[in-house]
Amino acid sequence: MAHLSQKTGATAYLENEKRRGRPHLDKYHQKPKVRGIIYGMPCYSSSSYSYINNKNIHEVVLSMSNKNNYCVYAHIFPNKKVYIGMTGQEPKKRWNDGYGYIANTLMFDDIVKYGWSNIEHRILYKGLTKERALELEMYTIVQLRTTDERRGYNQLRGCNTSFRNRMKKIVQHNKRVMCINNRTVFDNIKQASMYGNTTMLDIDNCCNGYIKSAGTDKKGEKLSWKYI
């Protein structure tokens, strides 16, 4: 029988798998080839961001996809910690039975500890553009505080500070929003963004007077907003 490493954690797991004669894991011994970093999280595709000013902080986003094939998901561990992510791939392909997170050492150690099948996987939002998926991902991360190691596994390395702080401000204020067109009131800006099929940042810009409208109704009428 091959000698198994006595080390602990992800490194030991991979070493032991290799000694057991499972060559398909060899690729994970190499430095992960991360194509991009979104808010500190290794991602499956590269994204670049350019910011103009606080009036339209998200207006210029390079290489954004208009396809509504993105989703935001959560991995809920037995220890009650949570990881929030987004993908434009088929979710199971992105997750890769847990191996999709090998670059996140703290998270991968717990995947090995608990087993992928013992972790709950939820799709929180689907049918999104990449822009809305990124926004809802960050909104949920801030809301659940999953960057706190006691609460979750999301990381801040490479995070765009301006975007994160803007979303943090929106979450903390938690103001009600009114659609001026039909005087419909929403409990929070996230609900309003879902109704207007637009981003939370655009609605916030509209409420603050930086732009005249954000999103449209089912008839295509442009919507205006205000905080109440």
Protein backbone atom coordinates (compact mmCIF):
# COMPACT_ATOMS: atom_id res chain seq x y z
CA MET A 1 0.00 0.00 0.00
CA ALA A 2 1.31 3.42 -0.91
CA HIS A 3 2.38 5.60 1.98
CA LEU A 4 -0.14 8.38 2.64
CA SER A 5 0.90 11.84 3.75
CA GLN A 6 0.22 12.77 7.37
CA LYS A 7 -0.27 16.41 6.49
CA THR A 8 -3.70 17.96 6.88
CA GLY A 9 -5.86 20.10 4.67
CA ALA A 10 -6.13 20.53 0.92
CA THR A 11 -2.43 19.94 0.21
CA ALA A 12 -2.42 16.60 2.01
CA TYR A 13 -5.64 15.55 0.33
CA LEU A 14 -4.21 16.15 -3.12
CA GLU A 15 -0.92 14.43 -2.26
CA ASN A 16 -2.79 11.41 -0.97
CA GLU A 17 -5.00 11.25 -4.04
CA LYS A 18 -1.93 11.32 -6.24
CA ARG A 19 -0.29 8.51 -4.27
CA ARG A 20 -3.47 6.46 -4.64
CA GLY A 21 -2.87 6.57 -8.36
CA ARG A 22 -5.43 9.12 -9.49
CA PRO A 23 -3.53 11.04 -12.18
CA HIS A 24 -6.54 13.16 -13.14
CA LEU A 25 -5.83 15.24 -10.05
CA ASP A 26 -2.33 16.13 -11.23
CA LYS A 27 -3.57 19.34 -12.77
CA TYR A 28 -4.47 20.59 -9.30
CA HIS A 29 -0.85 20.35 -8.17
CA GLN A 30 0.00 23.12 -10.57
CA LYS A 31 -0.54 26.75 -9.71
CA PRO A 32 -4.20 27.44 -10.49
CA LYS A 33 -4.58 29.35 -13.74
CA VAL A 34 -7.15 31.87 -12.69
CA ARG A 35 -8.38 33.85 -15.68
CA GLY A 36 -9.68 36.71 -13.59
CA ILE A 37 -10.43 37.98 -10.08
CA ILE A 38 -13.86 39.30 -9.19
CA TYR A 39 -13.90 40.95 -5.76
CA GLY A 40 -11.03 38.73 -4.67
CA MET A 41 -12.63 35.48 -5.81
CA PRO A 42 -11.01 33.34 -8.53
CA CYS A 43 -13.39 33.25 -11.47
CA TYR A 44 -13.87 31.27 -14.61
CA SER A 45 -13.62 34.22 -16.96
CA SER A 46 -11.72 37.48 -17.02
CA SER A 47 -13.41 40.80 -16.44
CA SER A 48 -12.00 44.31 -16.51
CA TYR A 49 -13.60 47.33 -14.93
CA SER A 50 -13.24 51.02 -15.68
CA TYR A 51 -14.90 53.70 -13.58
CA ILE A 52 -15.82 57.24 -14.60
CA ASN A 53 -17.16 58.93 -11.48
CA ASN A 54 -19.55 58.43 -8.61
CA LYS A 55 -22.51 59.53 -10.72
CA ASN A 56 -22.32 56.41 -12.83
CA ILE A 57 -19.77 54.27 -11.10
CA HIS A 58 -20.58 51.12 -13.04
CA GLU A 59 -21.32 52.73 -16.41
CA VAL A 60 -18.25 51.55 -18.27
CA VAL A 61 -17.76 47.82 -17.83
CA LEU A 62 -15.51 46.15 -20.34
CA SER A 63 -16.30 42.79 -21.90
CA MET A 64 -19.75 42.59 -20.38
CA SER A 65 -22.13 40.00 -21.75
CA ASN A 66 -25.76 40.84 -22.49
CA LYS A 67 -26.80 37.20 -22.37
CA ASN A 68 -29.20 36.34 -19.57
CA ASN A 69 -27.40 33.13 -18.68
CA TYR A 70 -25.76 34.16 -15.41
CA CYS A 71 -26.78 33.07 -11.94
CA VAL A 72 -25.87 33.88 -8.34
CA TYR A 73 -25.53 30.94 -5.97
CA ALA A 74 -24.68 30.02 -2.40
CA HIS A 75 -22.78 27.12 -0.86
CA ILE A 76 -23.93 26.56 2.72
CA PHE A 77 -21.59 24.46 4.86
CA PRO A 78 -22.49 22.31 7.89
CA ASN A 79 -20.63 24.84 10.08
CA LYS A 80 -23.15 27.50 8.89
CA LYS A 81 -20.53 29.39 6.90
CA VAL A 82 -21.55 30.53 3.42
CA TYR A 83 -19.87 31.20 0.10
CA ILE A 84 -21.59 33.45 -2.46
CA GLY A 85 -20.62 33.26 -6.12
CA MET A 86 -21.81 33.89 -9.67
CA THR A 87 -21.26 32.13 -12.98
CA GLY A 88 -22.28 32.16 -16.60
CA GLN A 89 -21.48 28.48 -16.90
CA GLU A 90 -23.68 25.55 -15.99
CA PRO A 91 -23.32 25.76 -12.17
CA LYS A 92 -22.19 22.16 -11.62
CA LYS A 93 -19.48 22.63 -14.22
CA ARG A 94 -18.27 25.76 -12.42
CA TRP A 95 -18.33 24.03 -9.05
CA ASN A 96 -16.57 20.91 -10.37
CA ASP A 97 -17.52 18.87 -7.29
CA GLY A 98 -15.67 21.35 -5.10
CA TYR A 99 -12.44 21.42 -7.10
CA GLY A 100 -13.49 24.75 -8.60
CA TYR A 101 -12.49 26.35 -5.29
CA ILE A 102 -9.04 24.91 -4.82
CA ALA A 103 -7.50 28.39 -4.93
CA ASN A 104 -9.58 29.36 -1.88
CA THR A 105 -7.56 27.43 0.71
CA LEU A 106 -9.84 28.02 3.71
CA MET A 107 -12.91 26.97 1.79
CA PHE A 108 -11.30 23.99 0.09
CA ASP A 109 -10.01 22.67 3.41
CA ASP A 110 -13.60 22.61 4.67
CA ILE A 111 -14.85 21.04 1.45
CA VAL A 112 -12.39 18.20 2.10
CA LYS A 113 -13.41 18.11 5.77
CA TYR A 114 -17.18 17.90 5.26
CA GLY A 115 -17.42 16.40 1.79
CA TRP A 116 -18.99 18.12 -1.21
CA SER A 117 -22.21 16.10 -0.94
CA ASN A 118 -22.74 17.36 2.62
CA ILE A 119 -22.72 21.01 1.55
CA GLU A 120 -25.98 22.64 0.50
CA HIS A 121 -25.99 24.33 -2.92
CA ARG A 122 -28.63 26.94 -3.74
CA ILE A 123 -29.27 29.03 -6.85
CA LEU A 124 -30.35 32.41 -5.50
CA TYR A 125 -30.96 34.27 -8.76
CA LYS A 126 -30.87 33.12 -12.38
CA GLY A 127 -31.52 34.43 -15.87
CA LEU A 128 -29.29 37.45 -15.25
CA THR A 129 -26.95 39.52 -17.37
CA LYS A 130 -23.36 39.49 -16.20
CA GLU A 131 -23.66 43.03 -14.87
CA ARG A 132 -26.70 42.26 -12.72
CA ALA A 133 -25.17 39.00 -11.52
CA LEU A 134 -22.04 40.82 -10.35
CA GLU A 135 -24.15 43.38 -8.53
CA LEU A 136 -26.43 40.85 -6.83
CA GLU A 137 -23.40 38.78 -5.88
CA MET A 138 -21.76 41.74 -4.14
CA TYR A 139 -25.07 42.84 -2.57
CA THR A 140 -25.51 39.39 -1.04
CA ILE A 141 -21.88 39.18 0.09
CA VAL A 142 -22.21 42.53 1.88
CA GLN A 143 -25.63 41.67 3.30
CA LEU A 144 -24.52 38.31 4.72
CA ARG A 145 -21.01 39.54 5.63
CA THR A 146 -19.44 36.45 4.13
CA THR A 147 -16.00 38.08 3.93
CA ASP A 148 -15.81 37.61 7.71
CA GLU A 149 -14.04 34.27 8.20
CA ARG A 150 -16.44 33.48 11.04
CA ARG A 151 -19.38 33.78 8.64
CA GLY A 152 -18.17 32.78 5.21
CA TYR A 153 -15.47 32.11 2.64
CA ASN A 154 -15.59 35.09 0.30
CA GLN A 155 -12.28 36.94 0.04
CA LEU A 156 -11.33 40.56 -0.51
CA ARG A 157 -8.07 40.10 -2.43
CA GLY A 158 -8.24 42.16 -5.61
CA CYS A 159 -11.62 43.57 -4.64
CA ASN A 160 -12.69 46.81 -6.30
CA THR A 161 -13.04 49.01 -3.23
CA SER A 162 -15.23 51.68 -4.85
CA PHE A 163 -17.83 49.17 -6.01
CA ARG A 164 -17.85 47.27 -2.71
CA ASN A 165 -18.19 50.45 -0.64
CA ARG A 166 -21.03 51.68 -2.83
CA MET A 167 -22.93 48.43 -2.42
CA LYS A 168 -22.19 48.43 1.32
CA LYS A 169 -23.71 51.90 1.59
CA ILE A 170 -26.83 50.80 -0.29
CA VAL A 171 -27.26 47.75 1.96
CA GLN A 172 -26.73 49.72 5.18
CA HIS A 173 -29.18 52.48 4.28
CA ASN A 174 -31.88 49.97 3.33
CA LYS A 175 -34.25 52.73 2.23
CA ARG A 176 -37.65 52.19 0.68
CA VAL A 177 -37.93 53.15 -2.97
CA MET A 178 -40.88 54.55 -4.91
CA CYS A 179 -41.43 54.25 -8.66
CA ILE A 180 -42.62 57.76 -9.53
CA ASN A 181 -44.43 56.59 -12.67
CA ASN A 182 -47.03 54.50 -10.83
CA ARG A 183 -46.22 55.32 -7.18
CA THR A 184 -45.45 51.68 -6.40
CA VAL A 185 -43.38 51.41 -3.20
CA PHE A 186 -40.68 48.78 -2.69
CA ASP A 187 -39.19 47.79 0.65
CA ASN A 188 -35.65 47.99 -0.68
CA ILE A 189 -33.65 48.86 -3.75
CA LYS A 190 -33.10 45.22 -4.69
CA GLN A 191 -36.86 44.67 -5.11
CA ALA A 192 -37.07 47.84 -7.17
CA SER A 193 -34.24 46.71 -9.44
CA MET A 194 -35.98 43.39 -10.09
CA TYR A 195 -39.21 45.22 -10.98
CA GLY A 196 -37.49 47.68 -13.31
CA ASN A 197 -35.15 45.06 -14.79
CA THR A 198 -32.19 47.30 -14.09
CA THR A 199 -29.29 47.60 -11.65
CA MET A 200 -29.43 48.82 -8.09
CA LEU A 201 -26.70 51.32 -8.86
CA ASP A 202 -28.77 52.88 -11.66
CA ILE A 203 -31.78 53.22 -9.36
CA ASP A 204 -29.56 54.75 -6.68
CA ASN A 205 -28.19 57.19 -9.26
CA CYS A 206 -31.74 58.10 -10.29
CA CYS A 207 -32.86 58.59 -6.69
CA ASN A 208 -29.89 60.90 -6.12
CA GLY A 209 -30.62 62.93 -9.23
CA TYR A 210 -27.63 61.84 -11.27
CA ILE A 211 -29.74 60.31 -14.06
CA LYS A 212 -33.38 60.86 -15.06
CA SER A 213 -34.53 57.27 -15.30
CA ALA A 214 -33.49 53.69 -14.67
CA GLY A 215 -35.06 50.63 -16.21
CA THR A 216 -38.38 50.20 -17.96
CA ASP A 217 -41.74 48.61 -17.27
CA LYS A 218 -43.29 45.83 -19.36
CA LYS A 219 -44.58 48.36 -21.88
CA GLY A 220 -41.11 49.83 -22.35
CA GLU A 221 -41.82 53.07 -20.46
CA LYS A 222 -38.75 54.54 -18.76
CA LEU A 223 -39.03 54.55 -14.96
CA SER A 224 -38.07 57.26 -12.50
CA TRP A 225 -37.37 56.66 -8.82
CA LYS A 226 -37.00 58.32 -5.45
CA TYR A 227 -36.13 57.28 -1.90
CA ILE A 228 -38.86 57.66 0.70
